Amino acid sequence: DQPTVPSAIQTYQAAHDRRDIPTALAQFAHDAIIVDDGCIYDGISGVESFLRTAASEYTYTRTLISSTENAPDRWLVTNHLEGDFPGGEVDLSYEFRVANGLITRLTISP
């Protein structure tokens, strides 16, 4: 049985799947950082930029594979993505840090 991830992570992922940027953005701390594909998105304006541009040219579905609490307020979530992006499918690791109910850091890697 997998542990239940914090609501900010669940809400972010569901909102990002729907491309609901305001709801996704509300799950991040004002000084949050996202690291994805060699790029760093810093602060709430950086997070918003990531949400508006990340994979926006592709259509895909996301399936949760696993979630693990690695330390207090640190979660590793693995998702399987299938879609019309190069390669068609990929498993990605999402390393979340959460503080005070908000995501403070997200690192996405293959």
N, C-alpha and C. Protein backbone atom coordinates (compact mmCIF):
# COMPACT_ATOMS: atom_id res chain seq x y z
N ASP A 1 0.85 -1.19 0.00
CA ASP A 1 0.00 0.00 0.00
C ASP A 1 0.89 1.24 0.00
N GLN A 2 0.59 2.16 -0.90
CA GLN A 2 1.41 3.36 -1.00
C GLN A 2 0.92 4.42 -0.02
N PRO A 3 1.86 5.18 0.54
CA PRO A 3 1.45 6.24 1.45
C PRO A 3 0.69 7.34 0.68
N THR A 4 -0.17 8.03 1.40
CA THR A 4 -0.92 9.12 0.80
C THR A 4 -0.03 10.36 0.74
N VAL A 5 0.16 10.88 -0.46
CA VAL A 5 0.99 12.07 -0.59
C VAL A 5 0.23 13.29 -0.07
N PRO A 6 0.95 14.33 0.32
CA PRO A 6 0.28 15.54 0.80
C PRO A 6 -0.69 16.10 -0.24
N SER A 7 -1.73 16.75 0.25
CA SER A 7 -2.77 17.24 -0.65
C SER A 7 -2.22 18.23 -1.68
N ALA A 8 -1.20 19.01 -1.32
CA ALA A 8 -0.63 19.97 -2.29
C ALA A 8 -0.10 19.24 -3.52
N ILE A 9 0.51 18.07 -3.32
CA ILE A 9 1.05 17.30 -4.45
C ILE A 9 -0.10 16.73 -5.27
N GLN A 10 -1.08 16.14 -4.61
CA GLN A 10 -2.24 15.58 -5.32
C GLN A 10 -2.95 16.66 -6.13
N THR A 11 -3.20 17.80 -5.48
CA THR A 11 -3.92 18.90 -6.14
C THR A 11 -3.12 19.45 -7.31
N TYR A 12 -1.80 19.63 -7.11
CA TYR A 12 -0.94 20.12 -8.19
C TYR A 12 -1.00 19.19 -9.40
N GLN A 13 -0.81 17.88 -9.17
CA GLN A 13 -0.75 16.96 -10.30
C GLN A 13 -2.08 16.92 -11.06
N ALA A 14 -3.18 16.87 -10.33
CA ALA A 14 -4.50 16.84 -10.99
C ALA A 14 -4.75 18.14 -11.76
N ALA A 15 -4.39 19.28 -11.16
CA ALA A 15 -4.59 20.57 -11.83
C ALA A 15 -3.68 20.68 -13.06
N HIS A 16 -2.44 20.22 -12.93
CA HIS A 16 -1.51 20.28 -14.07
C HIS A 16 -2.03 19.40 -15.21
N ASP A 17 -2.59 18.23 -14.88
CA ASP A 17 -3.17 17.36 -15.92
C ASP A 17 -4.29 18.08 -16.66
N ARG A 18 -5.09 18.88 -15.94
CA ARG A 18 -6.22 19.61 -16.54
C ARG A 18 -5.79 20.93 -17.17
N ARG A 19 -4.50 21.26 -17.01
CA ARG A 19 -3.97 22.56 -17.43
C ARG A 19 -4.67 23.71 -16.70
N ASP A 20 -5.00 23.46 -15.44
CA ASP A 20 -5.62 24.47 -14.57
C ASP A 20 -4.48 25.18 -13.84
N ILE A 21 -3.92 26.19 -14.50
CA ILE A 21 -2.72 26.86 -13.99
C ILE A 21 -2.97 27.55 -12.64
N PRO A 22 -4.08 28.30 -12.45
CA PRO A 22 -4.27 28.96 -11.15
C PRO A 22 -4.29 27.98 -9.98
N THR A 23 -4.98 26.85 -10.14
CA THR A 23 -5.05 25.87 -9.05
C THR A 23 -3.69 25.22 -8.83
N ALA A 24 -2.99 24.87 -9.91
CA ALA A 24 -1.65 24.28 -9.78
C ALA A 24 -0.70 25.25 -9.09
N LEU A 25 -0.73 26.50 -9.52
CA LEU A 25 0.18 27.52 -8.99
C LEU A 25 -0.06 27.75 -7.49
N ALA A 26 -1.29 27.64 -7.06
CA ALA A 26 -1.65 27.89 -5.66
C ALA A 26 -1.06 26.84 -4.72
N GLN A 27 -0.53 25.74 -5.26
CA GLN A 27 0.05 24.68 -4.42
C GLN A 27 1.53 24.93 -4.11
N PHE A 28 2.09 26.01 -4.67
CA PHE A 28 3.52 26.29 -4.51
C PHE A 28 3.76 27.47 -3.57
N ALA A 29 4.82 27.37 -2.79
CA ALA A 29 5.27 28.48 -1.96
C ALA A 29 5.77 29.61 -2.86
N HIS A 30 5.74 30.85 -2.35
CA HIS A 30 6.13 32.00 -3.17
C HIS A 30 7.59 31.94 -3.61
N ASP A 31 8.43 31.20 -2.86
CA ASP A 31 9.85 31.10 -3.20
C ASP A 31 10.23 29.71 -3.72
N ALA A 32 9.24 29.01 -4.25
CA ALA A 32 9.46 27.65 -4.74
C ALA A 32 10.40 27.62 -5.94
N ILE A 33 11.01 26.46 -6.13
CA ILE A 33 11.91 26.24 -7.28
C ILE A 33 11.48 24.95 -7.96
N ILE A 34 11.46 24.99 -9.30
CA ILE A 34 11.24 23.78 -10.09
C ILE A 34 12.48 23.57 -10.96
N VAL A 35 12.99 22.34 -10.96
CA VAL A 35 14.10 21.96 -11.82
C VAL A 35 13.57 20.90 -12.78
N ASP A 36 13.63 21.20 -14.07
CA ASP A 36 13.10 20.29 -15.09
C ASP A 36 13.94 20.39 -16.35
N ASP A 37 14.43 19.26 -16.83
CA ASP A 37 15.12 19.20 -18.10
C ASP A 37 16.27 20.21 -18.19
N GLY A 38 17.02 20.34 -17.10
CA GLY A 38 18.17 21.24 -17.09
C GLY A 38 17.84 22.70 -16.87
N CYS A 39 16.56 23.05 -16.75
CA CYS A 39 16.15 24.43 -16.52
C CYS A 39 15.69 24.61 -15.08
N ILE A 40 15.97 25.78 -14.52
CA ILE A 40 15.53 26.11 -13.17
C ILE A 40 14.51 27.24 -13.26
N TYR A 41 13.36 27.00 -12.65
CA TYR A 41 12.28 27.98 -12.60
C TYR A 41 12.20 28.44 -11.15
N ASP A 42 12.52 29.72 -10.92
CA ASP A 42 12.73 30.23 -9.57
C ASP A 42 11.61 31.18 -9.16
N GLY A 43 11.06 30.96 -7.97
CA GLY A 43 10.02 31.85 -7.46
C GLY A 43 8.68 31.59 -8.12
N ILE A 44 7.66 32.26 -7.63
CA ILE A 44 6.30 32.00 -8.11
C ILE A 44 6.14 32.37 -9.59
N SER A 45 6.86 33.41 -10.06
CA SER A 45 6.76 33.76 -11.49
C SER A 45 7.44 32.69 -12.35
N GLY A 46 8.53 32.10 -11.83
CA GLY A 46 9.18 31.01 -12.54
C GLY A 46 8.31 29.77 -12.60
N VAL A 47 7.65 29.48 -11.47
CA VAL A 47 6.73 28.34 -11.43
C VAL A 47 5.60 28.55 -12.43
N GLU A 48 5.06 29.75 -12.48
CA GLU A 48 3.98 30.02 -13.42
C GLU A 48 4.46 29.85 -14.86
N SER A 49 5.67 30.31 -15.15
CA SER A 49 6.25 30.14 -16.49
C SER A 49 6.37 28.65 -16.83
N PHE A 50 6.86 27.85 -15.87
CA PHE A 50 6.95 26.41 -16.07
C PHE A 50 5.57 25.82 -16.38
N LEU A 51 4.58 26.18 -15.58
CA LEU A 51 3.24 25.63 -15.76
C LEU A 51 2.65 26.00 -17.12
N ARG A 52 2.97 27.20 -17.61
CA ARG A 52 2.42 27.64 -18.90
C ARG A 52 3.13 27.00 -20.09
N THR A 53 4.41 26.61 -19.91
CA THR A 53 5.18 26.14 -21.06
C THR A 53 5.48 24.64 -21.04
N ALA A 54 5.59 24.04 -19.86
CA ALA A 54 6.02 22.64 -19.77
C ALA A 54 5.07 21.72 -20.51
N ALA A 55 5.58 21.08 -21.52
CA ALA A 55 4.83 20.08 -22.29
C ALA A 55 3.54 20.62 -22.88
N SER A 56 3.42 21.95 -22.99
CA SER A 56 2.16 22.51 -23.50
C SER A 56 1.94 22.16 -24.97
N GLU A 57 3.01 21.80 -25.67
CA GLU A 57 2.86 21.45 -27.09
C GLU A 57 2.44 20.00 -27.28
N TYR A 58 2.36 19.24 -26.18
CA TYR A 58 2.03 17.82 -26.28
C TYR A 58 0.76 17.49 -25.52
N THR A 59 0.13 16.40 -25.96
CA THR A 59 -1.02 15.85 -25.26
C THR A 59 -0.55 14.52 -24.66
N TYR A 60 -0.88 14.31 -23.38
CA TYR A 60 -0.42 13.08 -22.73
C TYR A 60 -1.35 12.72 -21.59
N THR A 61 -1.23 11.47 -21.16
CA THR A 61 -1.90 11.02 -19.95
C THR A 61 -0.84 10.66 -18.93
N ARG A 62 -1.18 10.81 -17.66
CA ARG A 62 -0.26 10.53 -16.56
C ARG A 62 -0.87 9.45 -15.67
N THR A 63 -0.07 8.44 -15.36
CA THR A 63 -0.49 7.37 -14.46
C THR A 63 0.50 7.29 -13.31
N LEU A 64 0.00 7.35 -12.08
CA LEU A 64 0.85 7.22 -10.91
C LEU A 64 1.37 5.79 -10.81
N ILE A 65 2.69 5.64 -10.71
CA ILE A 65 3.30 4.33 -10.53
C ILE A 65 3.59 4.09 -9.06
N SER A 66 4.21 5.08 -8.40
CA SER A 66 4.56 4.90 -7.00
C SER A 66 4.72 6.24 -6.31
N SER A 67 4.60 6.21 -4.99
CA SER A 67 4.89 7.39 -4.17
C SER A 67 5.54 6.90 -2.89
N THR A 68 6.63 7.58 -2.52
CA THR A 68 7.40 7.19 -1.35
C THR A 68 7.75 8.44 -0.55
N GLU A 69 7.54 8.38 0.76
CA GLU A 69 7.99 9.47 1.62
C GLU A 69 9.43 9.14 2.01
N ASN A 70 10.39 9.88 1.44
CA ASN A 70 11.81 9.61 1.69
C ASN A 70 12.30 10.20 2.99
N ALA A 71 11.66 11.26 3.45
CA ALA A 71 11.99 11.94 4.70
C ALA A 71 10.78 12.80 5.02
N PRO A 72 10.72 13.33 6.24
CA PRO A 72 9.59 14.20 6.52
C PRO A 72 9.53 15.34 5.49
N ASP A 73 8.39 15.49 4.87
CA ASP A 73 8.15 16.55 3.87
C ASP A 73 8.96 16.39 2.59
N ARG A 74 9.48 15.17 2.33
CA ARG A 74 10.15 14.89 1.05
C ARG A 74 9.51 13.66 0.44
N TRP A 75 9.02 13.83 -0.77
CA TRP A 75 8.29 12.75 -1.44
C TRP A 75 8.88 12.49 -2.82
N LEU A 76 8.97 11.21 -3.18
CA LEU A 76 9.36 10.83 -4.53
C LEU A 76 8.14 10.17 -5.17
N VAL A 77 7.66 10.79 -6.24
CA VAL A 77 6.49 10.30 -6.96
C VAL A 77 6.95 9.91 -8.36
N THR A 78 6.63 8.70 -8.78
CA THR A 78 6.98 8.26 -10.13
C THR A 78 5.70 8.15 -10.94
N ASN A 79 5.70 8.82 -12.10
CA ASN A 79 4.55 8.82 -13.00
C ASN A 79 4.95 8.26 -14.35
N HIS A 80 4.02 7.56 -14.98
CA HIS A 80 4.19 7.07 -16.34
C HIS A 80 3.39 7.99 -17.25
N LEU A 81 4.07 8.58 -18.25
CA LEU A 81 3.41 9.46 -19.20
C LEU A 81 3.37 8.79 -20.56
N GLU A 82 2.21 8.87 -21.20
CA GLU A 82 2.06 8.40 -22.59
C GLU A 82 1.41 9.52 -23.37
N GLY A 83 1.94 9.76 -24.59
CA GLY A 83 1.35 10.82 -25.39
C GLY A 83 2.04 10.99 -26.72
N ASP A 84 1.84 12.19 -27.31
CA ASP A 84 2.36 12.46 -28.64
C ASP A 84 3.69 13.21 -28.61
N PHE A 85 4.44 13.07 -27.50
CA PHE A 85 5.77 13.66 -27.41
C PHE A 85 6.80 12.66 -27.97
N PRO A 86 8.03 13.13 -28.27
CA PRO A 86 9.03 12.22 -28.83
C PRO A 86 9.24 11.00 -27.93
N GLY A 87 9.18 9.82 -28.51
CA GLY A 87 9.34 8.59 -27.74
C GLY A 87 8.01 7.99 -27.31
N GLY A 88 6.98 8.83 -27.15
CA GLY A 88 5.64 8.33 -26.89
C GLY A 88 5.32 7.93 -25.47
N GLU A 89 6.32 7.49 -24.70
CA GLU A 89 6.08 7.17 -23.30
C GLU A 89 7.36 7.27 -22.51
N VAL A 90 7.20 7.60 -21.22
CA VAL A 90 8.36 7.78 -20.35
C VAL A 90 7.89 7.67 -18.89
N ASP A 91 8.77 7.16 -18.05
CA ASP A 91 8.55 7.20 -16.61
C ASP A 91 9.38 8.35 -16.07
N LEU A 92 8.75 9.25 -15.32
CA LEU A 92 9.44 10.39 -14.75
C LEU A 92 9.34 10.37 -13.23
N SER A 93 10.44 10.77 -12.59
CA SER A 93 10.46 10.91 -11.14
C SER A 93 10.25 12.37 -10.78
N TYR A 94 9.37 12.59 -9.84
CA TYR A 94 9.06 13.93 -9.35
C TYR A 94 9.45 13.94 -7.88
N GLU A 95 10.50 14.68 -7.55
CA GLU A 95 10.93 14.78 -6.15
C GLU A 95 10.37 16.08 -5.59
N PHE A 96 9.46 15.94 -4.64
CA PHE A 96 8.80 17.09 -4.04
C PHE A 96 9.35 17.36 -2.64
N ARG A 97 9.48 18.63 -2.31
CA ARG A 97 9.68 19.05 -0.92
C ARG A 97 8.46 19.90 -0.57
N VAL A 98 7.91 19.64 0.60
CA VAL A 98 6.70 20.32 1.03
C VAL A 98 6.94 20.94 2.40
N ALA A 99 6.52 22.19 2.59
CA ALA A 99 6.61 22.84 3.89
C ALA A 99 5.35 23.67 4.10
N ASN A 100 4.80 23.59 5.29
CA ASN A 100 3.59 24.35 5.61
C ASN A 100 2.48 24.13 4.60
N GLY A 101 2.38 22.90 4.10
CA GLY A 101 1.29 22.55 3.19
C GLY A 101 1.48 23.00 1.75
N LEU A 102 2.65 23.58 1.42
CA LEU A 102 2.91 24.04 0.06
C LEU A 102 4.17 23.39 -0.49
N ILE A 103 4.22 23.24 -1.81
CA ILE A 103 5.41 22.69 -2.46
C ILE A 103 6.48 23.77 -2.51
N THR A 104 7.66 23.45 -1.99
CA THR A 104 8.77 24.41 -1.99
C THR A 104 9.81 24.10 -3.06
N ARG A 105 9.86 22.83 -3.48
CA ARG A 105 10.81 22.45 -4.53
C ARG A 105 10.26 21.22 -5.26
N LEU A 106 10.42 21.22 -6.57
CA LEU A 106 10.05 20.10 -7.41
C LEU A 106 11.18 19.86 -8.39
N THR A 107 11.73 18.64 -8.36
CA THR A 107 12.76 18.26 -9.32
C THR A 107 12.21 17.10 -10.14
N ILE A 108 12.18 17.29 -11.47
CA ILE A 108 11.63 16.28 -12.38
C ILE A 108 12.79 15.68 -13.15
N SER A 109 12.87 14.33 -13.16
CA SER A 109 13.96 13.68 -13.88
C SER A 109 13.50 12.33 -14.41
N PRO A 110 14.19 11.86 -15.49
CA PRO A 110 13.83 10.54 -16.03
C PRO A 110 14.22 9.42 -15.08
